[in-house]
Amino acid sequence: MTDRVPASGKPNSHISVARLLDCTVEGSDGSIGTVDPVSEEVAPDHLVVDTGGTLLSKKVLLPLWVIAHVDEATRTAYVPHTKEHVRAAPRFDRDLRVTDPGYRARIDEHYADRSGG
């Protein structure tokens, strides 16, 4: 089954973060990483994506509205951005997401910038 996620800027009400845990995130130019279990802490409107690699591993926030669709058969979430654009997002920071009211706004602005997609 493939779920379509509206690109409306609103959290998707029919795709739960729990269903996306450990899914692969695929960009317009290939694999970006996997949905990290810490995503449950930032639910319901964002996911945490571990971009992988041992030395270059980075966790970034990904708004649910960025996801174009999810293929549950292959456990893959597709986003219309390049690997580099997602990896260039501000690093996920557990403390900052709670204490800085502009943090998620900066994340959303990063993905709204279509020059990286």
N, C-alpha and C. Protein backbone atom coordinates (compact mmCIF):
# COMPACT_ATOMS: atom_id res chain seq x y z
N MET A 1 0.84 -1.17 0.00
CA MET A 1 0.00 0.00 0.00
C MET A 1 0.89 1.24 0.00
N THR A 2 0.50 2.23 -0.74
CA THR A 2 1.21 3.50 -0.78
C THR A 2 0.29 4.58 -0.24
N ASP A 3 0.77 5.28 0.78
CA ASP A 3 0.00 6.39 1.35
C ASP A 3 0.49 7.68 0.73
N ARG A 4 -0.43 8.53 0.36
CA ARG A 4 -0.09 9.86 -0.13
C ARG A 4 -0.17 10.83 1.04
N VAL A 5 0.83 11.62 1.18
CA VAL A 5 0.87 12.60 2.25
C VAL A 5 0.70 13.97 1.63
N PRO A 6 -0.30 14.73 2.04
CA PRO A 6 -0.51 16.04 1.42
C PRO A 6 0.63 16.98 1.72
N ALA A 7 1.07 17.73 0.73
CA ALA A 7 2.14 18.71 0.90
C ALA A 7 1.53 20.05 1.26
N SER A 8 0.65 20.05 2.24
CA SER A 8 -0.09 21.24 2.59
C SER A 8 0.56 22.06 3.67
N GLY A 9 1.62 21.57 4.25
CA GLY A 9 2.22 22.26 5.38
C GLY A 9 1.57 21.86 6.70
N LYS A 10 0.61 20.98 6.65
CA LYS A 10 -0.09 20.50 7.84
C LYS A 10 0.37 19.08 8.15
N PRO A 11 0.47 18.74 9.44
CA PRO A 11 0.81 17.36 9.77
C PRO A 11 -0.20 16.39 9.16
N ASN A 12 0.28 15.27 8.74
CA ASN A 12 -0.59 14.26 8.13
C ASN A 12 -1.30 13.51 9.25
N SER A 13 -2.60 13.47 9.20
CA SER A 13 -3.35 12.85 10.27
C SER A 13 -3.50 11.34 10.11
N HIS A 14 -3.27 10.81 8.93
CA HIS A 14 -3.47 9.37 8.76
C HIS A 14 -2.16 8.58 8.68
N ILE A 15 -1.02 9.22 8.78
CA ILE A 15 0.26 8.51 8.84
C ILE A 15 0.83 8.76 10.22
N SER A 16 0.98 7.72 11.01
CA SER A 16 1.53 7.91 12.34
C SER A 16 3.04 7.75 12.30
N VAL A 17 3.69 8.47 13.19
CA VAL A 17 5.15 8.37 13.30
C VAL A 17 5.54 6.93 13.62
N ALA A 18 4.76 6.26 14.45
CA ALA A 18 5.07 4.87 14.83
C ALA A 18 5.15 3.97 13.61
N ARG A 19 4.31 4.22 12.59
CA ARG A 19 4.33 3.40 11.37
C ARG A 19 5.56 3.69 10.52
N LEU A 20 6.20 4.83 10.75
CA LEU A 20 7.36 5.20 9.93
C LEU A 20 8.70 4.84 10.57
N LEU A 21 8.70 4.44 11.84
CA LEU A 21 9.96 4.13 12.51
C LEU A 21 10.74 3.07 11.75
N ASP A 22 12.01 3.32 11.58
CA ASP A 22 12.94 2.44 10.87
C ASP A 22 12.70 2.35 9.36
N CYS A 23 11.80 3.17 8.83
CA CYS A 23 11.62 3.22 7.37
C CYS A 23 12.84 3.89 6.74
N THR A 24 13.12 3.51 5.51
CA THR A 24 14.14 4.18 4.73
C THR A 24 13.55 5.48 4.20
N VAL A 25 14.37 6.53 4.16
CA VAL A 25 13.95 7.79 3.57
C VAL A 25 14.71 7.95 2.26
N GLU A 26 13.96 8.09 1.19
CA GLU A 26 14.52 8.16 -0.16
C GLU A 26 14.29 9.55 -0.73
N GLY A 27 15.36 10.20 -1.19
CA GLY A 27 15.27 11.52 -1.78
C GLY A 27 15.16 11.43 -3.29
N SER A 28 15.16 12.58 -3.93
CA SER A 28 15.04 12.63 -5.38
C SER A 28 16.27 12.05 -6.09
N ASP A 29 17.38 11.91 -5.35
CA ASP A 29 18.59 11.36 -5.95
C ASP A 29 19.16 10.15 -5.20
N GLY A 30 18.33 9.49 -4.39
CA GLY A 30 18.79 8.28 -3.72
C GLY A 30 18.50 8.26 -2.24
N SER A 31 19.05 7.24 -1.57
CA SER A 31 18.78 7.01 -0.16
C SER A 31 19.40 8.11 0.72
N ILE A 32 18.59 8.59 1.68
CA ILE A 32 19.03 9.64 2.59
C ILE A 32 19.39 9.06 3.95
N GLY A 33 18.60 8.12 4.43
CA GLY A 33 18.84 7.54 5.75
C GLY A 33 17.61 6.79 6.22
N THR A 34 17.47 6.69 7.55
CA THR A 34 16.33 5.97 8.12
C THR A 34 15.66 6.82 9.20
N VAL A 35 14.38 6.54 9.41
CA VAL A 35 13.63 7.23 10.45
C VAL A 35 14.09 6.66 11.79
N ASP A 36 14.58 7.53 12.65
CA ASP A 36 15.14 7.15 13.94
C ASP A 36 14.03 6.99 14.99
N PRO A 37 14.17 6.03 15.90
CA PRO A 37 13.16 5.84 16.95
C PRO A 37 12.92 7.08 17.83
N VAL A 38 13.90 7.96 17.93
CA VAL A 38 13.72 9.18 18.72
C VAL A 38 12.62 10.06 18.12
N SER A 39 12.14 9.72 16.93
CA SER A 39 11.06 10.45 16.29
C SER A 39 9.82 10.52 17.17
N GLU A 40 9.62 9.51 17.99
CA GLU A 40 8.44 9.51 18.86
C GLU A 40 8.47 10.70 19.83
N GLU A 41 9.65 11.24 20.11
CA GLU A 41 9.77 12.40 20.99
C GLU A 41 9.32 13.69 20.31
N VAL A 42 9.42 13.76 19.01
CA VAL A 42 9.10 14.99 18.29
C VAL A 42 7.77 14.91 17.54
N ALA A 43 7.09 13.77 17.65
CA ALA A 43 5.81 13.58 17.00
C ALA A 43 4.83 14.65 17.49
N PRO A 44 3.79 14.98 16.77
CA PRO A 44 3.29 14.28 15.60
C PRO A 44 3.65 14.93 14.27
N ASP A 45 4.36 16.08 14.27
CA ASP A 45 4.52 16.80 13.02
C ASP A 45 5.90 16.70 12.37
N HIS A 46 6.85 16.06 13.02
CA HIS A 46 8.20 15.92 12.48
C HIS A 46 8.73 14.51 12.75
N LEU A 47 9.70 14.11 11.94
CA LEU A 47 10.45 12.86 12.14
C LEU A 47 11.90 13.23 12.37
N VAL A 48 12.64 12.32 12.97
CA VAL A 48 14.09 12.46 13.06
C VAL A 48 14.66 11.44 12.07
N VAL A 49 15.49 11.92 11.16
CA VAL A 49 16.12 11.05 10.17
C VAL A 49 17.61 10.95 10.48
N ASP A 50 18.08 9.71 10.63
CA ASP A 50 19.51 9.45 10.80
C ASP A 50 20.08 9.28 9.40
N THR A 51 20.96 10.21 9.02
CA THR A 51 21.49 10.18 7.66
C THR A 51 22.56 9.12 7.46
N GLY A 52 22.87 8.37 8.50
CA GLY A 52 23.74 7.21 8.37
C GLY A 52 25.21 7.51 8.30
N GLY A 53 25.98 6.44 8.12
CA GLY A 53 27.42 6.56 8.10
C GLY A 53 27.97 6.62 9.52
N THR A 54 29.12 6.05 9.73
CA THR A 54 29.67 6.04 11.08
C THR A 54 30.34 7.36 11.43
N LEU A 55 31.14 7.89 10.53
CA LEU A 55 31.85 9.14 10.82
C LEU A 55 31.01 10.38 10.49
N LEU A 56 30.16 10.27 9.51
CA LEU A 56 29.40 11.43 9.05
C LEU A 56 27.93 11.37 9.46
N SER A 57 27.59 10.52 10.42
CA SER A 57 26.21 10.38 10.84
C SER A 57 25.69 11.70 11.40
N LYS A 58 24.50 12.06 10.99
CA LYS A 58 23.86 13.27 11.45
C LYS A 58 22.37 13.00 11.53
N LYS A 59 21.73 13.47 12.58
CA LYS A 59 20.29 13.35 12.70
C LYS A 59 19.69 14.72 12.42
N VAL A 60 18.67 14.73 11.56
CA VAL A 60 17.99 15.97 11.19
C VAL A 60 16.48 15.79 11.38
N LEU A 61 15.80 16.90 11.59
CA LEU A 61 14.34 16.88 11.65
C LEU A 61 13.79 16.96 10.24
N LEU A 62 12.72 16.23 10.00
CA LEU A 62 12.05 16.24 8.71
C LEU A 62 10.56 16.44 8.97
N PRO A 63 9.98 17.55 8.52
CA PRO A 63 8.54 17.74 8.72
C PRO A 63 7.75 16.68 7.95
N LEU A 64 6.67 16.20 8.56
CA LEU A 64 5.85 15.20 7.87
C LEU A 64 5.30 15.73 6.55
N TRP A 65 5.03 17.03 6.48
CA TRP A 65 4.45 17.56 5.24
C TRP A 65 5.40 17.48 4.05
N VAL A 66 6.69 17.22 4.32
CA VAL A 66 7.66 17.09 3.23
C VAL A 66 7.53 15.74 2.52
N ILE A 67 7.03 14.74 3.22
CA ILE A 67 6.95 13.39 2.65
C ILE A 67 5.91 13.37 1.54
N ALA A 68 6.37 12.97 0.35
CA ALA A 68 5.47 12.91 -0.81
C ALA A 68 4.57 11.68 -0.75
N HIS A 69 5.15 10.54 -0.40
CA HIS A 69 4.36 9.33 -0.20
C HIS A 69 5.18 8.28 0.53
N VAL A 70 4.47 7.27 1.03
CA VAL A 70 5.10 6.18 1.77
C VAL A 70 4.69 4.88 1.12
N ASP A 71 5.67 4.05 0.81
CA ASP A 71 5.40 2.71 0.28
C ASP A 71 5.59 1.75 1.45
N GLU A 72 4.47 1.29 1.99
CA GLU A 72 4.55 0.41 3.17
C GLU A 72 5.13 -0.96 2.82
N ALA A 73 4.96 -1.40 1.59
CA ALA A 73 5.50 -2.71 1.20
C ALA A 73 7.02 -2.73 1.29
N THR A 74 7.66 -1.63 0.90
CA THR A 74 9.12 -1.56 0.96
C THR A 74 9.61 -0.77 2.17
N ARG A 75 8.67 -0.26 2.98
CA ARG A 75 8.99 0.56 4.17
C ARG A 75 9.89 1.73 3.78
N THR A 76 9.43 2.48 2.77
CA THR A 76 10.19 3.61 2.26
C THR A 76 9.31 4.86 2.22
N ALA A 77 9.86 5.95 2.77
CA ALA A 77 9.21 7.26 2.70
C ALA A 77 9.96 8.08 1.66
N TYR A 78 9.24 8.66 0.74
CA TYR A 78 9.85 9.42 -0.36
C TYR A 78 9.68 10.92 -0.13
N VAL A 79 10.76 11.67 -0.32
CA VAL A 79 10.73 13.12 -0.20
C VAL A 79 11.26 13.74 -1.49
N PRO A 80 10.72 14.90 -1.89
CA PRO A 80 11.14 15.53 -3.14
C PRO A 80 12.35 16.45 -2.98
N HIS A 81 13.30 16.03 -2.18
CA HIS A 81 14.52 16.81 -1.95
C HIS A 81 15.73 15.91 -2.20
N THR A 82 16.84 16.53 -2.51
CA THR A 82 18.07 15.76 -2.71
C THR A 82 18.64 15.34 -1.36
N LYS A 83 19.51 14.34 -1.41
CA LYS A 83 20.20 13.89 -0.20
C LYS A 83 20.94 15.06 0.45
N GLU A 84 21.62 15.83 -0.36
CA GLU A 84 22.42 16.93 0.16
C GLU A 84 21.55 17.98 0.85
N HIS A 85 20.38 18.26 0.28
CA HIS A 85 19.50 19.25 0.89
C HIS A 85 19.01 18.79 2.26
N VAL A 86 18.62 17.55 2.38
CA VAL A 86 18.17 17.02 3.67
C VAL A 86 19.33 17.00 4.65
N ARG A 87 20.48 16.54 4.21
CA ARG A 87 21.64 16.49 5.10
C ARG A 87 22.13 17.88 5.51
N ALA A 88 21.78 18.90 4.74
CA ALA A 88 22.18 20.28 5.06
C ALA A 88 21.22 20.93 6.06
N ALA A 89 20.15 20.24 6.43
CA ALA A 89 19.21 20.78 7.41
C ALA A 89 19.92 20.92 8.76
N PRO A 90 19.44 21.85 9.59
CA PRO A 90 20.05 21.97 10.92
C PRO A 90 20.00 20.64 11.66
N ARG A 91 21.07 20.36 12.37
CA ARG A 91 21.18 19.12 13.14
C ARG A 91 20.07 19.04 14.18
N PHE A 92 19.52 17.83 14.38
CA PHE A 92 18.51 17.61 15.41
C PHE A 92 19.15 17.83 16.77
N ASP A 93 18.50 18.62 17.60
CA ASP A 93 18.99 18.91 18.94
C ASP A 93 17.84 18.73 19.91
N ARG A 94 17.94 17.71 20.77
CA ARG A 94 16.86 17.41 21.72
C ARG A 94 16.50 18.61 22.59
N ASP A 95 17.49 19.35 23.05
CA ASP A 95 17.22 20.48 23.94
C ASP A 95 16.69 21.68 23.18
N LEU A 96 17.27 21.98 22.05
CA LEU A 96 16.89 23.16 21.28
C LEU A 96 15.44 23.08 20.83
N ARG A 97 14.99 21.88 20.48
CA ARG A 97 13.61 21.75 19.98
C ARG A 97 12.58 22.13 21.03
N VAL A 98 12.97 22.09 22.31
CA VAL A 98 12.06 22.44 23.39
C VAL A 98 12.25 23.89 23.84
N THR A 99 13.49 24.36 23.86
CA THR A 99 13.78 25.67 24.43
C THR A 99 13.79 26.81 23.43
N ASP A 100 13.92 26.53 22.15
CA ASP A 100 14.00 27.58 21.14
C ASP A 100 12.74 27.55 20.26
N PRO A 101 11.84 28.52 20.45
CA PRO A 101 10.59 28.49 19.69
C PRO A 101 10.79 28.65 18.18
N GLY A 102 11.92 29.17 17.74
CA GLY A 102 12.15 29.34 16.32
C GLY A 102 12.81 28.14 15.65
N TYR A 103 13.19 27.14 16.43
CA TYR A 103 13.92 25.98 15.89
C TYR A 103 13.13 25.26 14.81
N ARG A 104 11.90 24.88 15.11
CA ARG A 104 11.10 24.16 14.12
C ARG A 104 10.76 25.06 12.93
N ALA A 105 10.61 26.35 13.18
CA ALA A 105 10.35 27.28 12.07
C ALA A 105 11.54 27.29 11.11
N ARG A 106 12.76 27.28 11.64
CA ARG A 106 13.96 27.22 10.78
C ARG A 106 14.00 25.91 9.99
N ILE A 107 13.60 24.83 10.64
CA ILE A 107 13.54 23.54 9.95
C ILE A 107 12.54 23.61 8.80
N ASP A 108 11.34 24.11 9.09
CA ASP A 108 10.31 24.20 8.05
C ASP A 108 10.75 25.11 6.91
N GLU A 109 11.41 26.22 7.23
CA GLU A 109 11.92 27.13 6.20
C GLU A 109 12.95 26.43 5.31
N HIS A 110 13.79 25.61 5.93
CA HIS A 110 14.81 24.89 5.16
C HIS A 110 14.15 24.01 4.08
N TYR A 111 13.10 23.30 4.44
CA TYR A 111 12.45 22.42 3.47
C TYR A 111 11.54 23.16 2.52
N ALA A 112 11.07 24.35 2.90
CA ALA A 112 10.25 25.15 2.00
C ALA A 112 11.10 25.74 0.88
N ASP A 113 12.42 25.83 1.11
CA ASP A 113 13.35 26.34 0.10
C ASP A 113 13.52 25.28 -0.98
N ARG A 114 12.88 25.47 -2.09
CA ARG A 114 12.89 24.48 -3.18
C ARG A 114 14.19 24.49 -3.98
N SER A 115 15.12 25.41 -3.68
CA SER A 115 16.37 25.42 -4.45
C SER A 115 17.22 24.19 -4.17
N GLY A 116 16.95 23.53 -3.04
CA GLY A 116 17.72 22.34 -2.70
C GLY A 116 17.01 21.06 -3.09
N GLY A 117 15.84 21.14 -3.68
CA GLY A 117 15.09 19.95 -3.98
C GLY A 117 15.17 19.60 -5.36
